[in-house]
Amino acid sequence: MSSQGSSSSSTNPPDNRPSELRKLSFVASFEHQKFIEGVSSQAYELGLKAGRGQANLHPDDETQALILSLTDRNDELQKQVKEANDSLLDIAREIGKDNGPTTCRKGLITF
């Protein structure tokens, strides 16, 4: 047993090897972290470029025609709503002329 203990101590340097391994491990992990950060920032930039490339900045003719059609339809609907509002306001004015304050007061008094 004592011979094995002495032979194992002669093959392994006492404290130099573990500290060197720790240093190498630290350097490797630091370099690995820097590499990952570089890859991450490159991937982000590539993602931005891909997103810009997929954005439809120049729509094709079919898309442009659809946009124009929807815009025209929206204008028509807004015009119809305005006409309906104007008609309701005209009706309200006519009712207001016929039922003035005196007519309303007379109606309240008779109840």
C-alpha atoms as a PDB file:
ATOM      1  CA  MET A   1       0.000   0.000   0.000  1.00  0.00           C
ATOM      2  CA  SER A   2       2.795   2.334   0.891  1.00  0.00           C
ATOM      3  CA  SER A   3       4.489   1.619  -2.446  1.00  0.00           C
ATOM      4  CA  GLN A   4       1.312   2.540  -4.351  1.00  0.00           C
ATOM      5  CA  GLY A   5       0.959   5.748  -2.403  1.00  0.00           C
ATOM      6  CA  SER A   6       4.507   6.790  -3.209  1.00  0.00           C
ATOM      7  CA  SER A   7       4.197   5.864  -6.906  1.00  0.00           C
ATOM      8  CA  SER A   8       0.930   7.775  -7.313  1.00  0.00           C
ATOM      9  CA  SER A   9       2.462  10.853  -5.742  1.00  0.00           C
ATOM     10  CA  SER A  10       5.431  10.679  -8.125  1.00  0.00           C
ATOM     11  CA  THR A  11       3.230  10.526 -11.275  1.00  0.00           C
ATOM     12  CA  ASN A  12       1.027  13.498 -10.321  1.00  0.00           C
ATOM     13  CA  PRO A  13       2.672  16.838  -9.618  1.00  0.00           C
ATOM     14  CA  PRO A  14       1.419  18.063  -6.268  1.00  0.00           C
ATOM     15  CA  ASP A  15      -0.530  21.322  -6.812  1.00  0.00           C
ATOM     16  CA  ASN A  16       0.551  22.613 -10.211  1.00  0.00           C
ATOM     17  CA  ARG A  17      -1.743  20.490 -12.338  1.00  0.00           C
ATOM     18  CA  PRO A  18      -5.101  21.362 -10.710  1.00  0.00           C
ATOM     19  CA  SER A  19      -4.374  25.095 -10.760  1.00  0.00           C
ATOM     20  CA  GLU A  20      -3.314  24.912 -14.434  1.00  0.00           C
ATOM     21  CA  LEU A  21      -6.506  23.022 -15.261  1.00  0.00           C
ATOM     22  CA  ARG A  22      -8.560  25.656 -13.477  1.00  0.00           C
ATOM     23  CA  LYS A  23      -6.798  28.395 -15.432  1.00  0.00           C
ATOM     24  CA  LEU A  24      -7.339  26.603 -18.738  1.00  0.00           C
ATOM     25  CA  SER A  25     -10.948  25.920 -17.838  1.00  0.00           C
ATOM     26  CA  PHE A  26     -11.509  29.568 -16.960  1.00  0.00           C
ATOM     27  CA  VAL A  27      -9.889  30.792 -20.185  1.00  0.00           C
ATOM     28  CA  ALA A  28     -11.862  28.282 -22.242  1.00  0.00           C
ATOM     29  CA  SER A  29     -15.150  29.268 -20.621  1.00  0.00           C
ATOM     30  CA  PHE A  30     -14.360  32.972 -21.128  1.00  0.00           C
ATOM     31  CA  GLU A  31     -13.516  32.399 -24.798  1.00  0.00           C
ATOM     32  CA  HIS A  32     -16.638  30.283 -25.188  1.00  0.00           C
ATOM     33  CA  GLN A  33     -18.768  33.052 -23.671  1.00  0.00           C
ATOM     34  CA  LYS A  34     -17.252  35.658 -26.020  1.00  0.00           C
ATOM     35  CA  PHE A  35     -17.854  33.352 -28.977  1.00  0.00           C
ATOM     36  CA  ILE A  36     -21.502  32.855 -27.965  1.00  0.00           C
ATOM     37  CA  GLU A  37     -21.990  36.612 -27.571  1.00  0.00           C
ATOM     38  CA  GLY A  38     -20.526  37.184 -31.038  1.00  0.00           C
ATOM     39  CA  VAL A  39     -22.729  34.537 -32.607  1.00  0.00           C
ATOM     40  CA  SER A  40     -25.743  35.921 -30.774  1.00  0.00           C
ATOM     41  CA  SER A  41     -25.193  39.469 -32.026  1.00  0.00           C
ATOM     42  CA  GLN A  42     -24.581  38.201 -35.566  1.00  0.00           C
ATOM     43  CA  ALA A  43     -27.771  36.144 -35.423  1.00  0.00           C
ATOM     44  CA  TYR A  44     -29.703  39.192 -34.226  1.00  0.00           C
ATOM     45  CA  GLU A  45     -28.359  41.318 -37.082  1.00  0.00           C
ATOM     46  CA  LEU A  46     -29.151  38.592 -39.607  1.00  0.00           C
ATOM     47  CA  GLY A  47     -32.661  38.336 -38.165  1.00  0.00           C
ATOM     48  CA  LEU A  48     -33.160  42.063 -38.599  1.00  0.00           C
ATOM     49  CA  LYS A  49     -31.957  41.892 -42.192  1.00  0.00           C
ATOM     50  CA  ALA A  50     -34.244  38.948 -42.912  1.00  0.00           C
ATOM     51  CA  GLY A  51     -37.198  40.760 -41.367  1.00  0.00           C
ATOM     52  CA  ARG A  52     -36.547  43.822 -43.476  1.00  0.00           C
ATOM     53  CA  GLY A  53     -36.258  41.635 -46.538  1.00  0.00           C
ATOM     54  CA  GLN A  54     -39.607  40.012 -45.831  1.00  0.00           C
ATOM     55  CA  ALA A  55     -41.361  43.311 -45.185  1.00  0.00           C
ATOM     56  CA  ASN A  56     -43.444  44.156 -48.207  1.00  0.00           C
ATOM     57  CA  LEU A  57     -42.112  47.637 -48.924  1.00  0.00           C
ATOM     58  CA  HIS A  58     -43.010  47.444 -52.603  1.00  0.00           C
ATOM     59  CA  PRO A  59     -46.383  45.716 -52.952  1.00  0.00           C
ATOM     60  CA  ASP A  60     -47.139  43.915 -56.182  1.00  0.00           C
ATOM     61  CA  ASP A  61     -49.917  45.034 -58.534  1.00  0.00           C
ATOM     62  CA  GLU A  62     -52.551  42.765 -56.983  1.00  0.00           C
ATOM     63  CA  THR A  63     -51.833  44.043 -53.483  1.00  0.00           C
ATOM     64  CA  GLN A  64     -51.807  47.642 -54.683  1.00  0.00           C
ATOM     65  CA  ALA A  65     -55.177  47.124 -56.424  1.00  0.00           C
ATOM     66  CA  LEU A  66     -56.633  45.640 -53.227  1.00  0.00           C
ATOM     67  CA  ILE A  67     -55.394  48.608 -51.203  1.00  0.00           C
ATOM     68  CA  LEU A  68     -56.971  51.060 -53.664  1.00  0.00           C
ATOM     69  CA  SER A  69     -60.237  49.108 -53.688  1.00  0.00           C
ATOM     70  CA  LEU A  70     -60.438  49.080 -49.893  1.00  0.00           C
ATOM     71  CA  THR A  71     -59.608  52.784 -49.725  1.00  0.00           C
ATOM     72  CA  ASP A  72     -62.368  53.598 -52.237  1.00  0.00           C
ATOM     73  CA  ARG A  73     -64.866  51.452 -50.319  1.00  0.00           C
ATOM     74  CA  ASN A  74     -63.902  53.182 -47.079  1.00  0.00           C
ATOM     75  CA  ASP A  75     -64.507  56.587 -48.701  1.00  0.00           C
ATOM     76  CA  GLU A  76     -67.931  55.432 -49.936  1.00  0.00           C
ATOM     77  CA  LEU A  77     -68.911  54.199 -46.480  1.00  0.00           C
ATOM     78  CA  GLN A  78     -67.795  57.440 -44.851  1.00  0.00           C
ATOM     79  CA  LYS A  79     -69.890  59.385 -47.376  1.00  0.00           C
ATOM     80  CA  GLN A  80     -72.946  57.199 -46.622  1.00  0.00           C
ATOM     81  CA  VAL A  81     -72.519  57.713 -42.874  1.00  0.00           C
ATOM     82  CA  LYS A  82     -72.229  61.477 -43.354  1.00  0.00           C
ATOM     83  CA  GLU A  83     -75.376  61.528 -45.512  1.00  0.00           C
ATOM     84  CA  ALA A  84     -77.275  59.492 -42.907  1.00  0.00           C
ATOM     85  CA  ASN A  85     -76.144  61.836 -40.128  1.00  0.00           C
ATOM     86  CA  ASP A  86     -77.154  64.874 -42.164  1.00  0.00           C
ATOM     87  CA  SER A  87     -80.588  63.332 -42.816  1.00  0.00           C
ATOM     88  CA  LEU A  88     -81.098  62.642 -39.115  1.00  0.00           C
ATOM     89  CA  LEU A  89     -80.097  66.198 -38.254  1.00  0.00           C
ATOM     90  CA  ASP A  90     -82.571  67.545 -40.841  1.00  0.00           C
ATOM     91  CA  ILE A  91     -85.354  65.399 -39.356  1.00  0.00           C
ATOM     92  CA  ALA A  92     -84.462  66.598 -35.854  1.00  0.00           C
ATOM     93  CA  ARG A  93     -84.629  70.229 -37.019  1.00  0.00           C
ATOM     94  CA  GLU A  94     -88.057  69.677 -38.603  1.00  0.00           C
ATOM     95  CA  ILE A  95     -89.351  68.041 -35.438  1.00  0.00           C
ATOM     96  CA  GLY A  96     -87.918  70.909 -33.413  1.00  0.00           C
ATOM     97  CA  LYS A  97     -89.803  73.440 -35.571  1.00  0.00           C
ATOM     98  CA  ASP A  98     -93.140  71.651 -35.167  1.00  0.00           C
ATOM     99  CA  ASN A  99     -92.761  70.960 -31.458  1.00  0.00           C
ATOM    100  CA  GLY A 100     -91.502  74.250 -30.136  1.00  0.00           C
ATOM    101  CA  PRO A 101     -91.296  75.080 -26.438  1.00  0.00           C
ATOM    102  CA  THR A 102     -94.905  76.295 -26.303  1.00  0.00           C
ATOM    103  CA  THR A 103     -96.272  73.049 -27.724  1.00  0.00           C
ATOM    104  CA  CYS A 104     -94.276  71.040 -25.206  1.00  0.00           C
ATOM    105  CA  ARG A 105     -95.512  73.217 -22.328  1.00  0.00           C
ATOM    106  CA  LYS A 106     -99.103  72.836 -23.418  1.00  0.00           C
ATOM    107  CA  GLY A 107     -98.668  69.079 -23.530  1.00  0.00           C
ATOM    108  CA  LEU A 108     -97.279  69.053 -20.006  1.00  0.00           C
ATOM    109  CA  ILE A 109    -100.057  71.188 -18.645  1.00  0.00           C
ATOM    110  CA  THR A 110    -102.795  68.953 -20.034  1.00  0.00           C
ATOM    111  CA  PHE A 111    -101.413  65.858 -18.347  1.00  0.00           C
END
